[in-house]
PDB file of N, CA and C in Angstrom:
ATOM      1  N   MET A   1     113.186  83.304 102.488  1.00  0.00           N
ATOM      2  CA  MET A   1     113.165  84.320 103.537  1.00  0.00           C
ATOM      3  C   MET A   1     112.238  85.460 103.144  1.00  0.00           C
ATOM      4  N   ASP A   2     111.613  86.034 104.161  1.00  0.00           N
ATOM      5  CA  ASP A   2     110.707  87.169 103.979  1.00  0.00           C
ATOM      6  C   ASP A   2     111.071  88.213 105.030  1.00  0.00           C
ATOM      7  N   THR A   3     112.164  88.953 104.786  1.00  0.00           N
ATOM      8  CA  THR A   3     112.692  89.862 105.798  1.00  0.00           C
ATOM      9  C   THR A   3     111.781  91.030 106.128  1.00  0.00           C
ATOM     10  N   ASP A   4     110.924  91.456 105.190  1.00  0.00           N
ATOM     11  CA  ASP A   4     110.026  92.572 105.491  1.00  0.00           C
ATOM     12  C   ASP A   4     108.651  92.113 105.990  1.00  0.00           C
ATOM     13  N   GLY A   5     108.438  90.798 106.068  1.00  0.00           N
ATOM     14  CA  GLY A   5     107.196  90.269 106.637  1.00  0.00           C
ATOM     15  C   GLY A   5     105.944  90.568 105.843  1.00  0.00           C
ATOM     16  N   ASN A   6     106.070  90.794 104.542  1.00  0.00           N
ATOM     17  CA  ASN A   6     104.889  91.140 103.744  1.00  0.00           C
ATOM     18  C   ASN A   6     104.244  89.932 103.072  1.00  0.00           C
ATOM     19  N   GLY A   7     104.718  88.725 103.421  1.00  0.00           N
ATOM     20  CA  GLY A   7     104.122  87.535 102.856  1.00  0.00           C
ATOM     21  C   GLY A   7     104.678  87.129 101.500  1.00  0.00           C
ATOM     22  N   VAL A   8     105.662  87.878 101.007  1.00  0.00           N
ATOM     23  CA  VAL A   8     106.293  87.585  99.713  1.00  0.00           C
ATOM     24  C   VAL A   8     107.777  87.361  99.972  1.00  0.00           C
ATOM     25  N   GLY A   9     108.305  86.245  99.494  1.00  0.00           N
ATOM     26  CA  GLY A   9     109.725  85.958  99.688  1.00  0.00           C
ATOM     27  C   GLY A   9     110.609  87.034  99.094  1.00  0.00           C
ATOM     28  N   ASP A  10     111.758  87.250  99.718  1.00  0.00           N
ATOM     29  CA  ASP A  10     112.668  88.309  99.278  1.00  0.00           C
ATOM     30  C   ASP A  10     113.039  88.201  97.799  1.00  0.00           C
ATOM     31  N   ALA A  11     113.192  86.988  97.296  1.00  0.00           N
ATOM     32  CA  ALA A  11     113.580  86.799  95.893  1.00  0.00           C
ATOM     33  C   ALA A  11     112.506  87.282  94.926  1.00  0.00           C
ATOM     34  N   CYS A  12     111.256  87.320  95.379  1.00  0.00           N
ATOM     35  CA  CYS A  12     110.137  87.709  94.512  1.00  0.00           C
ATOM     36  C   CYS A  12     109.548  89.056  94.891  1.00  0.00           C
ATOM     37  N   ASP A  13     110.135  89.717  95.864  1.00  0.00           N
ATOM     38  CA  ASP A  13     109.549  90.947  96.400  1.00  0.00           C
ATOM     39  C   ASP A  13     109.777  92.134  95.477  1.00  0.00           C
ATOM     40  N   CYS A  14     108.854  93.073  95.534  1.00  0.00           N
ATOM     41  CA  CYS A  14     108.962  94.312  94.756  1.00  0.00           C
ATOM     42  C   CYS A  14     109.875  95.278  95.507  1.00  0.00           C
ATOM     43  N   ALA A  15     110.774  95.901  94.797  1.00  0.00           N
ATOM     44  CA  ALA A  15     111.798  96.726  95.430  1.00  0.00           C
ATOM     45  C   ALA A  15     111.303  98.104  95.865  1.00  0.00           C
ATOM     46  N   SER A  16     110.452  98.732  95.086  1.00  0.00           N
ATOM     47  CA  SER A  16     110.055 100.113  95.336  1.00  0.00           C
ATOM     48  C   SER A  16     109.035 100.221  96.462  1.00  0.00           C
ATOM     49  N   ALA A  17     109.191 101.254  97.289  1.00  0.00           N
ATOM     50  CA  ALA A  17     108.255 101.491  98.391  1.00  0.00           C
ATOM     51  C   ALA A  17     107.228 102.560  98.024  1.00  0.00           C
ATOM     52  N   ASP A  18     107.044 102.825  96.726  1.00  0.00           N
ATOM     53  CA  ASP A  18     106.059 103.806  96.286  1.00  0.00           C
ATOM     54  C   ASP A  18     105.019 103.103  95.418  1.00  0.00           C
ATOM     55  N   VAL A  19     104.273 103.879  94.642  1.00  0.00           N
ATOM     56  CA  VAL A  19     103.172 103.347  93.844  1.00  0.00           C
ATOM     57  C   VAL A  19     103.610 102.208  92.911  1.00  0.00           C
ATOM     58  N   PRO A  20     104.717 102.314  92.169  1.00  0.00           N
ATOM     59  CA  PRO A  20     105.102 101.192  91.308  1.00  0.00           C
ATOM     60  C   PRO A  20     105.329  99.894  92.098  1.00  0.00           C
ATOM     61  N   GLY A  21     105.940 100.001  93.263  1.00  0.00           N
ATOM     62  CA  GLY A  21     106.146  98.830  94.116  1.00  0.00           C
ATOM     63  C   GLY A  21     104.843  98.264  94.629  1.00  0.00           C
ATOM     64  N   MET A  22     103.896  99.145  94.939  1.00  0.00           N
ATOM     65  CA  MET A  22     102.591  98.704  95.420  1.00  0.00           C
ATOM     66  C   MET A  22     101.820  98.012  94.306  1.00  0.00           C
ATOM     67  N   ILE A  23     101.924  98.521  93.087  1.00  0.00           N
ATOM     68  CA  ILE A  23     101.275  97.885  91.936  1.00  0.00           C
ATOM     69  C   ILE A  23     101.832  96.473  91.771  1.00  0.00           C
ATOM     70  N   CYS A  24     103.137  96.352  91.808  1.00  0.00           N
ATOM     71  CA  CYS A  24     103.790  95.051  91.683  1.00  0.00           C
ATOM     72  C   CYS A  24     103.330  94.114  92.802  1.00  0.00           C
ATOM     73  N   ASP A  25     103.274  94.625  94.023  1.00  0.00           N
ATOM     74  CA  ASP A  25     102.888  93.834  95.188  1.00  0.00           C
ATOM     75  C   ASP A  25     101.434  93.359  95.082  1.00  0.00           C
ATOM     76  N   LEU A  26     100.540  94.235  94.640  1.00  0.00           N
ATOM     77  CA  LEU A  26      99.126  93.852  94.495  1.00  0.00           C
ATOM     78  C   LEU A  26      98.943  92.786  93.422  1.00  0.00           C
ATOM     79  N   GLN A  27      99.719  92.865  92.364  1.00  0.00           N
ATOM     80  CA  GLN A  27      99.604  91.880  91.284  1.00  0.00           C
ATOM     81  C   GLN A  27      99.896  90.473  91.790  1.00  0.00           C
ATOM     82  N   LYS A  28     100.673  90.358  92.855  1.00  0.00           N
ATOM     83  CA  LYS A  28     100.999  89.049  93.416  1.00  0.00           C
ATOM     84  C   LYS A  28      99.787  88.391  94.071  1.00  0.00           C
ATOM     85  N   LEU A  29      98.754  89.176  94.374  1.00  0.00           N
ATOM     86  CA  LEU A  29      97.525  88.602  94.931  1.00  0.00           C
ATOM     87  C   LEU A  29      96.703  87.896  93.859  1.00  0.00           C
ATOM     88  N   LEU A  30      97.046  88.094  92.595  1.00  0.00           N
ATOM     89  CA  LEU A  30      96.297  87.490  91.494  1.00  0.00           C
ATOM     90  C   LEU A  30      96.916  86.170  91.020  1.00  0.00           C
ATOM     91  N   VAL A  31      97.967  85.724  91.690  1.00  0.00           N
ATOM     92  CA  VAL A  31      98.625  84.470  91.324  1.00  0.00           C
ATOM     93  C   VAL A  31      97.683  83.308  91.626  1.00  0.00           C
ATOM     94  N   PRO A  32      97.426  82.418  90.656  1.00  0.00           N
ATOM     95  CA  PRO A  32      96.483  81.312  90.877  1.00  0.00           C
ATOM     96  C   PRO A  32      96.836  80.423  92.068  1.00  0.00           C
ATOM     97  N   GLY A  33      98.107  80.205  92.332  1.00  0.00           N
ATOM     98  CA  GLY A  33      98.514  79.337  93.437  1.00  0.00           C
ATOM     99  C   GLY A  33      98.748  80.088  94.728  1.00  0.00           C
ATOM    100  N   LEU A  34      97.971  81.121  94.987  1.00  0.00           N
ATOM    101  CA  LEU A  34      98.155  81.962  96.173  1.00  0.00           C
ATOM    102  C   LEU A  34      98.146  81.148  97.459  1.00  0.00           C
ATOM    103  N   CYS A  35      97.324  80.100  97.508  1.00  0.00           N
ATOM    104  CA  CYS A  35      97.235  79.253  98.702  1.00  0.00           C
ATOM    105  C   CYS A  35      97.858  77.883  98.463  1.00  0.00           C
ATOM    106  N   GLY A  36      98.803  77.814  97.577  1.00  0.00           N
ATOM    107  CA  GLY A  36      99.434  76.531  97.287  1.00  0.00           C
ATOM    108  C   GLY A  36      98.445  75.597  96.612  1.00  0.00           C
ATOM    109  N   SER A  37      98.289  74.412  97.166  1.00  0.00           N
ATOM    110  CA  SER A  37      97.382  73.437  96.549  1.00  0.00           C
ATOM    111  C   SER A  37      95.935  73.624  97.020  1.00  0.00           C
ATOM    112  N   ASP A  38      95.707  74.471  98.035  1.00  0.00           N
ATOM    113  CA  ASP A  38      94.334  74.731  98.497  1.00  0.00           C
ATOM    114  C   ASP A  38      93.551  75.491  97.432  1.00  0.00           C
ATOM    115  N   ARG A  39      92.306  75.122  97.281  1.00  0.00           N
ATOM    116  CA  ARG A  39      91.427  75.788  96.315  1.00  0.00           C
ATOM    117  C   ARG A  39      90.778  76.992  96.988  1.00  0.00           C
ATOM    118  N   ILE A  40      90.738  78.105  96.294  1.00  0.00           N
ATOM    119  CA  ILE A  40      90.050  79.294  96.797  1.00  0.00           C
ATOM    120  C   ILE A  40      88.619  79.221  96.301  1.00  0.00           C
ATOM    121  N   GLY A  41      87.649  79.336  97.215  1.00  0.00           N
ATOM    122  CA  GLY A  41      86.242  79.272  96.835  1.00  0.00           C
ATOM    123  C   GLY A  41      85.857  80.379  95.872  1.00  0.00           C
ATOM    124  N   VAL A  42      84.830  80.137  95.092  1.00  0.00           N
ATOM    125  CA  VAL A  42      84.404  81.071  94.036  1.00  0.00           C
ATOM    126  C   VAL A  42      84.093  82.471  94.567  1.00  0.00           C
ATOM    127  N   PRO A  43      83.289  82.631  95.643  1.00  0.00           N
ATOM    128  CA  PRO A  43      82.989  84.002  96.089  1.00  0.00           C
ATOM    129  C   PRO A  43      84.246  84.793  96.468  1.00  0.00           C
ATOM    130  N   LEU A  44      85.157  84.145  97.201  1.00  0.00           N
ATOM    131  CA  LEU A  44      86.379  84.839  97.609  1.00  0.00           C
ATOM    132  C   LEU A  44      87.289  85.086  96.403  1.00  0.00           C
ATOM    133  N   ALA A  45      87.404  84.100  95.523  1.00  0.00           N
ATOM    134  CA  ALA A  45      88.234  84.263  94.320  1.00  0.00           C
ATOM    135  C   ALA A  45      87.716  85.411  93.448  1.00  0.00           C
ATOM    136  N   HIS A  46      86.388  85.485  93.312  1.00  0.00           N
ATOM    137  CA  HIS A  46      85.784  86.553  92.510  1.00  0.00           C
ATOM    138  C   HIS A  46      86.047  87.921  93.139  1.00  0.00           C
ATOM    139  N   SER A  47      85.853  88.004  94.460  1.00  0.00           N
ATOM    140  CA  SER A  47      86.091  89.266  95.161  1.00  0.00           C
ATOM    141  C   SER A  47      87.555  89.675  95.067  1.00  0.00           C
ATOM    142  N   LEU A  48      88.446  88.704  95.246  1.00  0.00           N
ATOM    143  CA  LEU A  48      89.881  88.971  95.169  1.00  0.00           C
ATOM    144  C   LEU A  48      90.244  89.531  93.797  1.00  0.00           C
ATOM    145  N   GLU A  49      89.823  88.834  92.757  1.00  0.00           N
ATOM    146  CA  GLU A  49      90.132  89.245  91.381  1.00  0.00           C
ATOM    147  C   GLU A  49      89.572  90.630  91.058  1.00  0.00           C
ATOM    148  N   ARG A  50      88.274  90.806  91.318  1.00  0.00           N
ATOM    149  CA  ARG A  50      87.603  92.057  90.945  1.00  0.00           C
ATOM    150  C   ARG A  50      88.169  93.253  91.710  1.00  0.00           C
ATOM    151  N   ASN A  51      88.325  93.100  93.013  1.00  0.00           N
ATOM    152  CA  ASN A  51      88.745  94.238  93.829  1.00  0.00           C
ATOM    153  C   ASN A  51      90.227  94.560  93.696  1.00  0.00           C
ATOM    154  N   VAL A  52      91.062  93.549  93.507  1.00  0.00           N
ATOM    155  CA  VAL A  52      92.482  93.826  93.263  1.00  0.00           C
ATOM    156  C   VAL A  52      92.634  94.538  91.926  1.00  0.00           C
ATOM    157  N   ARG A  53      91.908  94.097  90.904  1.00  0.00           N
ATOM    158  CA  ARG A  53      91.992  94.767  89.594  1.00  0.00           C
ATOM    159  C   ARG A  53      91.524  96.223  89.684  1.00  0.00           C
ATOM    160  N   LYS A  54      90.464  96.483  90.452  1.00  0.00           N
ATOM    161  CA  LYS A  54      90.002  97.868  90.633  1.00  0.00           C
ATOM    162  C   LYS A  54      91.041  98.691  91.387  1.00  0.00           C
ATOM    163  N   ALA A  55      91.643  98.108  92.424  1.00  0.00           N
ATOM    164  CA  ALA A  55      92.685  98.817  93.173  1.00  0.00           C
ATOM    165  C   ALA A  55      93.886  99.106  92.271  1.00  0.00           C
ATOM    166  N   LEU A  56      94.244  98.152  91.420  1.00  0.00           N
ATOM    167  CA  LEU A  56      95.353  98.364  90.481  1.00  0.00           C
ATOM    168  C   LEU A  56      95.046  99.505  89.520  1.00  0.00           C
ATOM    169  N   ALA A  57      93.816  99.561  89.023  1.00  0.00           N
ATOM    170  CA  ALA A  57      93.433 100.646  88.107  1.00  0.00           C
ATOM    171  C   ALA A  57      93.548 102.001  88.795  1.00  0.00           C
ATOM    172  N   ILE A  58      93.140 102.059  90.057  1.00  0.00           N
ATOM    173  CA  ILE A  58      93.239 103.311  90.816  1.00  0.00           C
ATOM    174  C   ILE A  58      94.705 103.698  90.994  1.00  0.00           C
ATOM    175  N   LEU A  59      95.555 102.723  91.355  1.00  0.00           N
ATOM    176  CA  LEU A  59      96.976 103.019  91.550  1.00  0.00           C
ATOM    177  C   LEU A  59      97.647 103.458  90.254  1.00  0.00           C
ATOM    178  N   LYS A  60      97.234 102.874  89.144  1.00  0.00           N
ATOM    179  CA  LYS A  60      97.796 103.289  87.852  1.00  0.00           C
ATOM    180  C   LYS A  60      97.367 104.713  87.523  1.00  0.00           C
ATOM    181  N   ALA A  61      96.155 105.095  87.957  1.00  0.00           N
ATOM    182  CA  ALA A  61      95.708 106.480  87.774  1.00  0.00           C
ATOM    183  C   ALA A  61      96.551 107.427  88.630  1.00  0.00           C
ATOM    184  N   VAL A  62      96.881 107.005  89.838  1.00  0.00           N
ATOM    185  CA  VAL A  62      97.740 107.813  90.716  1.00  0.00           C
ATOM    186  C   VAL A  62      99.089 108.017  90.042  1.00  0.00           C
ATOM    187  N   GLN A  63      99.589 106.947  89.427  1.00  0.00           N
ATOM    188  CA  GLN A  63     100.914 106.982  88.822  1.00  0.00           C
ATOM    189  C   GLN A  63     100.962 107.793  87.530  1.00  0.00           C
ATOM    190  N   HIS A  64      99.890 107.741  86.725  1.00  0.00           N
ATOM    191  CA  HIS A  64      99.967 108.309  85.378  1.00  0.00           C
ATOM    192  C   HIS A  64      99.231 109.618  85.139  1.00  0.00           C
ATOM    193  N   ARG A  65      98.288 109.950  85.994  1.00  0.00           N
ATOM    194  CA  ARG A  65      97.609 111.227  85.735  1.00  0.00           C
ATOM    195  C   ARG A  65      97.252 111.913  87.037  1.00  0.00           C
ATOM    196  N   GLY A  66      97.059 113.182  86.927  1.00  0.00           N
ATOM    197  CA  GLY A  66      96.723 113.980  88.103  1.00  0.00           C
ATOM    198  C   GLY A  66      95.247 113.940  88.383  1.00  0.00           C
ATOM    199  N   GLY A  67      94.709 115.053  88.812  1.00  0.00           N
ATOM    200  CA  GLY A  67      93.286 115.121  89.107  1.00  0.00           C
ATOM    201  C   GLY A  67      93.046 115.114  90.593  1.00  0.00           C
ATOM    202  N   ARG A  68      92.456 114.040  91.051  1.00  0.00           N
ATOM    203  CA  ARG A  68      92.148 113.935  92.471  1.00  0.00           C
ATOM    204  C   ARG A  68      93.420 113.917  93.313  1.00  0.00           C
ATOM    205  N   PRO A  69      93.289 114.366  94.537  1.00  0.00           N
ATOM    206  CA  PRO A  69      94.468 114.291  95.414  1.00  0.00           C
ATOM    207  C   PRO A  69      94.910 112.840  95.605  1.00  0.00           C
ATOM    208  N   ARG A  70      96.188 112.657  95.658  1.00  0.00           N
ATOM    209  CA  ARG A  70      96.792 111.330  95.781  1.00  0.00           C
ATOM    210  C   ARG A  70      96.234 110.549  96.981  1.00  0.00           C
ATOM    211  N   ALA A  71      96.126 111.185  98.131  1.00  0.00           N
ATOM    212  CA  ALA A  71      95.650 110.494  99.340  1.00  0.00           C
ATOM    213  C   ALA A  71      94.245 109.937  99.147  1.00  0.00           C
ATOM    214  N   LYS A  72      93.393 110.687  98.457  1.00  0.00           N
ATOM    215  CA  LYS A  72      92.012 110.242  98.227  1.00  0.00           C
ATOM    216  C   LYS A  72      91.983 108.994  97.326  1.00  0.00           C
ATOM    217  N   LEU A  73      92.812 108.988  96.302  1.00  0.00           N
ATOM    218  CA  LEU A  73      92.877 107.825  95.415  1.00  0.00           C
ATOM    219  C   LEU A  73      93.454 106.614  96.146  1.00  0.00           C
ATOM    220  N   LEU A  74      94.479 106.823  96.952  1.00  0.00           N
ATOM    221  CA  LEU A  74      95.053 105.718  97.709  1.00  0.00           C
ATOM    222  C   LEU A  74      94.040 105.158  98.708  1.00  0.00           C
ATOM    223  N   GLU A  75      93.234 106.033  99.279  1.00  0.00           N
ATOM    224  CA  GLU A  75      92.175 105.598 100.197  1.00  0.00           C
ATOM    225  C   GLU A  75      91.135 104.752  99.449  1.00  0.00           C
ATOM    226  N   ARG A  76      90.791 105.150  98.244  1.00  0.00           N
ATOM    227  CA  ARG A  76      89.846 104.363  97.424  1.00  0.00           C
ATOM    228  C   ARG A  76      90.409 102.983  97.116  1.00  0.00           C
ATOM    229  N   ALA A  77      91.695 102.914  96.795  1.00  0.00           N
ATOM    230  CA  ALA A  77      92.336 101.623  96.523  1.00  0.00           C
ATOM    231  C   ALA A  77      92.308 100.752  97.778  1.00  0.00           C
ATOM    232  N   SER A  78      92.551 101.370  98.910  1.00  0.00           N
ATOM    233  CA  SER A  78      92.518 100.655 100.183  1.00  0.00           C
ATOM    234  C   SER A  78      91.122 100.100 100.481  1.00  0.00           C
ATOM    235  N   ARG A  79      90.090 100.870 100.184  1.00  0.00           N
ATOM    236  CA  ARG A  79      88.707 100.404 100.395  1.00  0.00           C
ATOM    237  C   ARG A  79      88.397  99.197  99.518  1.00  0.00           C
ATOM    238  N   ARG A  80      88.945  99.182  98.294  1.00  0.00           N
ATOM    239  CA  ARG A  80      88.728  98.023  97.410  1.00  0.00           C
ATOM    240  C   ARG A  80      89.281  96.763  98.067  1.00  0.00           C
ATOM    241  N   LEU A  81      90.440  96.868  98.697  1.00  0.00           N
ATOM    242  CA  LEU A  81      91.039  95.705  99.349  1.00  0.00           C
ATOM    243  C   LEU A  81      90.252  95.293 100.592  1.00  0.00           C
ATOM    244  N   THR A  82      89.706  96.260 101.300  1.00  0.00           N
ATOM    245  CA  THR A  82      88.922  95.962 102.498  1.00  0.00           C
ATOM    246  C   THR A  82      87.686  95.140 102.146  1.00  0.00           C
ATOM    247  N   VAL A  83      87.148  95.331 100.955  1.00  0.00           N
ATOM    248  CA  VAL A  83      85.994  94.540 100.491  1.00  0.00           C
ATOM    249  C   VAL A  83      86.349  93.052 100.469  1.00  0.00           C
ATOM    250  N   ILE A  84      87.583  92.729 100.110  1.00  0.00           N
ATOM    251  CA  ILE A  84      88.013  91.331 100.069  1.00  0.00           C
ATOM    252  C   ILE A  84      87.952  90.722 101.464  1.00  0.00           C
ATOM    253  N   VAL A  85      88.410  91.466 102.461  1.00  0.00           N
ATOM    254  CA  VAL A  85      88.386  90.984 103.843  1.00  0.00           C
ATOM    255  C   VAL A  85      86.948  90.776 104.297  1.00  0.00           C
ATOM    256  N   ARG A  86      86.060  91.722 103.951  1.00  0.00           N
ATOM    257  CA  ARG A  86      84.637  91.581 104.314  1.00  0.00           C
ATOM    258  C   ARG A  86      84.010  90.378 103.624  1.00  0.00           C
ATOM    259  N   THR A  87      84.360  90.148 102.367  1.00  0.00           N
ATOM    260  CA  THR A  87      83.834  88.990 101.633  1.00  0.00           C
ATOM    261  C   THR A  87      84.270  87.703 102.309  1.00  0.00           C
ATOM    262  N   SER A  88      85.518  87.661 102.735  1.00  0.00           N
ATOM    263  CA  SER A  88      86.031  86.479 103.417  1.00  0.00           C
ATOM    264  C   SER A  88      85.250  86.227 104.699  1.00  0.00           C
ATOM    265  N   ALA A  89      84.971  87.271 105.461  1.00  0.00           N
ATOM    266  CA  ALA A  89      84.217  87.126 106.710  1.00  0.00           C
ATOM    267  C   ALA A  89      82.777  86.700 106.432  1.00  0.00           C
ATOM    268  N   ALA A  90      82.179  87.236 105.380  1.00  0.00           N
ATOM    269  CA  ALA A  90      80.783  86.935 105.052  1.00  0.00           C
ATOM    270  C   ALA A  90      80.603  85.483 104.627  1.00  0.00           C
ATOM    271  N   HIS A  91      81.604  84.911 103.993  1.00  0.00           N
ATOM    272  CA  HIS A  91      81.480  83.546 103.486  1.00  0.00           C
ATOM    273  C   HIS A  91      82.194  82.524 104.366  1.00  0.00           C
ATOM    274  N   HIS A  92      82.700  82.989 105.508  1.00  0.00           N
ATOM    275  CA  HIS A  92      83.412  82.093 106.414  1.00  0.00           C
ATOM    276  C   HIS A  92      82.444  81.071 107.015  1.00  0.00           C
ATOM    277  N   GLY A  93      82.912  79.872 107.185  1.00  0.00           N
ATOM    278  CA  GLY A  93      82.072  78.853 107.815  1.00  0.00           C
ATOM    279  C   GLY A  93      81.450  77.917 106.812  1.00  0.00           C
ATOM    280  N   LYS A  94      80.168  77.615 107.016  1.00  0.00           N
ATOM    281  CA  LYS A  94      79.467  76.602 106.211  1.00  0.00           C
ATOM    282  C   LYS A  94      79.470  76.900 104.718  1.00  0.00           C
ATOM    283  N   ARG A  95      79.267  78.160 104.353  1.00  0.00           N
ATOM    284  CA  ARG A  95      79.139  78.482 102.929  1.00  0.00           C
ATOM    285  C   ARG A  95      80.482  78.583 102.215  1.00  0.00           C
ATOM    286  N   SER A  96      81.564  78.634 102.959  1.00  0.00           N
ATOM    287  CA  SER A  96      82.869  78.821 102.328  1.00  0.00           C
ATOM    288  C   SER A  96      83.443  77.500 101.826  1.00  0.00           C
ATOM    289  N   THR A  97      83.948  77.527 100.613  1.00  0.00           N
ATOM    290  CA  THR A  97      84.654  76.363 100.083  1.00  0.00           C
ATOM    291  C   THR A  97      86.161  76.611 100.105  1.00  0.00           C
ATOM    292  N   THR A  98      86.566  77.725 100.709  1.00  0.00           N
ATOM    293  CA  THR A  98      87.979  78.043 100.889  1.00  0.00           C
ATOM    294  C   THR A  98      88.410  77.485 102.240  1.00  0.00           C
ATOM    295  N   SER A  99      89.556  76.838 102.293  1.00  0.00           N
ATOM    296  CA  SER A  99      90.015  76.296 103.573  1.00  0.00           C
ATOM    297  C   SER A  99      90.276  77.450 104.541  1.00  0.00           C
ATOM    298  N   PRO A 100      90.060  77.220 105.858  1.00  0.00           N
ATOM    299  CA  PRO A 100      90.312  78.277 106.845  1.00  0.00           C
ATOM    300  C   PRO A 100      91.748  78.799 106.798  1.00  0.00           C
ATOM    301  N   ALA A 101      92.715  77.916 106.570  1.00  0.00           N
ATOM    302  CA  ALA A 101      94.117  78.352 106.510  1.00  0.00           C
ATOM    303  C   ALA A 101      94.351  79.265 105.312  1.00  0.00           C
ATOM    304  N   CYS A 102      93.765  78.911 104.166  1.00  0.00           N
ATOM    305  CA  CYS A 102      93.903  79.729 102.959  1.00  0.00           C
ATOM    306  C   CYS A 102      93.224  81.080 103.164  1.00  0.00           C
ATOM    307  N   GLU A 103      92.027  81.047 103.738  1.00  0.00           N
ATOM    308  CA  GLU A 103      91.287  82.276 104.013  1.00  0.00           C
ATOM    309  C   GLU A 103      92.101  83.214 104.902  1.00  0.00           C
ATOM    310  N   ALA A 104      92.680  82.648 105.961  1.00  0.00           N
ATOM    311  CA  ALA A 104      93.490  83.452 106.887  1.00  0.00           C
ATOM    312  C   ALA A 104      94.715  84.029 106.189  1.00  0.00           C
ATOM    313  N   THR A 105      95.327  83.248 105.305  1.00  0.00           N
ATOM    314  CA  THR A 105      96.492  83.720 104.555  1.00  0.00           C
ATOM    315  C   THR A 105      96.122  84.893 103.657  1.00  0.00           C
ATOM    316  N   ILE A 106      95.015  84.760 102.943  1.00  0.00           N
ATOM    317  CA  ILE A 106      94.570  85.826 102.041  1.00  0.00           C
ATOM    318  C   ILE A 106      94.256  87.101 102.831  1.00  0.00           C
ATOM    319  N   VAL A 107      93.525  86.949 103.923  1.00  0.00           N
ATOM    320  CA  VAL A 107      93.172  88.118 104.746  1.00  0.00           C
ATOM    321  C   VAL A 107      94.436  88.792 105.268  1.00  0.00           C
ATOM    322  N   ARG A 108      95.393  88.007 105.743  1.00  0.00           N
ATOM    323  CA  ARG A 108      96.639  88.580 106.271  1.00  0.00           C
ATOM    324  C   ARG A 108      97.389  89.334 105.170  1.00  0.00           C
ATOM    325  N   MET A 109      97.490  88.729 103.989  1.00  0.00           N
ATOM    326  CA  MET A 109      98.198  89.379 102.882  1.00  0.00           C
ATOM    327  C   MET A 109      97.505  90.667 102.453  1.00  0.00           C
ATOM    328  N   VAL A 110      96.177  90.641 102.394  1.00  0.00           N
ATOM    329  CA  VAL A 110      95.417  91.825 101.994  1.00  0.00           C
ATOM    330  C   VAL A 110      95.569  92.924 103.042  1.00  0.00           C
ATOM    331  N   GLU A 111      95.459  92.563 104.318  1.00  0.00           N
ATOM    332  CA  GLU A 111      95.588  93.567 105.384  1.00  0.00           C
ATOM    333  C   GLU A 111      96.973  94.198 105.397  1.00  0.00           C
ATOM    334  N   GLN A 112      98.007  93.421 105.097  1.00  0.00           N
ATOM    335  CA  GLN A 112      99.355  93.988 105.004  1.00  0.00           C
ATOM    336  C   GLN A 112      99.418  95.032 103.894  1.00  0.00           C
ATOM    337  N   ARG A 113      98.778  94.753 102.789  1.00  0.00           N
ATOM    338  CA  ARG A 113      98.794  95.693 101.670  1.00  0.00           C
ATOM    339  C   ARG A 113      97.955  96.931 101.963  1.00  0.00           C
ATOM    340  N   VAL A 114      96.887  96.773 102.721  1.00  0.00           N
ATOM    341  CA  VAL A 114      96.104  97.931 103.157  1.00  0.00           C
ATOM    342  C   VAL A 114      96.983  98.836 104.016  1.00  0.00           C
ATOM    343  N   GLY A 115      97.748  98.240 104.900  1.00  0.00           N
ATOM    344  CA  GLY A 115      98.681  99.008 105.727  1.00  0.00           C
ATOM    345  C   GLY A 115      99.735  99.705 104.910  1.00  0.00           C
ATOM    346  N   ARG A 116     100.216  99.037 103.883  1.00  0.00           N
ATOM    347  CA  ARG A 116     101.212  99.636 102.998  1.00  0.00           C
ATOM    348  C   ARG A 116     100.637 100.814 102.209  1.00  0.00           C
ATOM    349  N   LEU A 117      99.378 100.674 101.784  1.00  0.00           N
ATOM    350  CA  LEU A 117      98.713 101.791 101.082  1.00  0.00           C
ATOM    351  C   LEU A 117      98.569 102.987 102.019  1.00  0.00           C
ATOM    352  N   ALA A 118      98.188 102.709 103.271  1.00  0.00           N
ATOM    353  CA  ALA A 118      98.049 103.805 104.257  1.00  0.00           C
ATOM    354  C   ALA A 118      99.375 104.524 104.449  1.00  0.00           C
ATOM    355  N   ALA A 119     100.478 103.776 104.449  1.00  0.00           N
ATOM    356  CA  ALA A 119     101.804 104.396 104.593  1.00  0.00           C
ATOM    357  C   ALA A 119     102.140 105.280 103.402  1.00  0.00           C
ATOM    358  N   LEU A 120     101.638 104.924 102.211  1.00  0.00           N
ATOM    359  CA  LEU A 120     101.894 105.749 101.020  1.00  0.00           C
ATOM    360  C   LEU A 120     101.126 107.064 101.058  1.00  0.00           C
ATOM    361  N   GLU A 121     100.028 107.107 101.828  1.00  0.00           N
ATOM    362  CA  GLU A 121      99.220 108.324 101.901  1.00  0.00           C
ATOM    363  C   GLU A 121      99.965 109.459 102.590  1.00  0.00           C
ATOM    364  N   ASP A 122     100.942 109.116 103.433  1.00  0.00           N
ATOM    365  CA  ASP A 122     101.672 110.158 104.200  1.00  0.00           C
ATOM    366  C   ASP A 122     102.501 111.048 103.323  1.00  0.00           C
TER     367      ASP A 122
END
């Protein structure tokens, strides 16, 4: 069951609705079997890995040190995730080795997390 509709089953879901919960939730995008047995193509896999890791670093900065306003850092983390969606669109079709169903799943999961980051900015 996935009662909150975030693409993660309740048994594996992160409990906190703040930065620690978001860090936990983003880490789930790095699971090798994200699309089950479907293979994620190299360009999308690279974008997913690189941009999620950058977003995680930004969120850890929000959690552990001050400096920039929190909303600005959360916006930067959100932009990192948006790059993944753009990469998916750019490689969609002939050049993509990611199945359309897997691509759609990744985009949906990333967009949900972008929405969650926006909610944390409030």
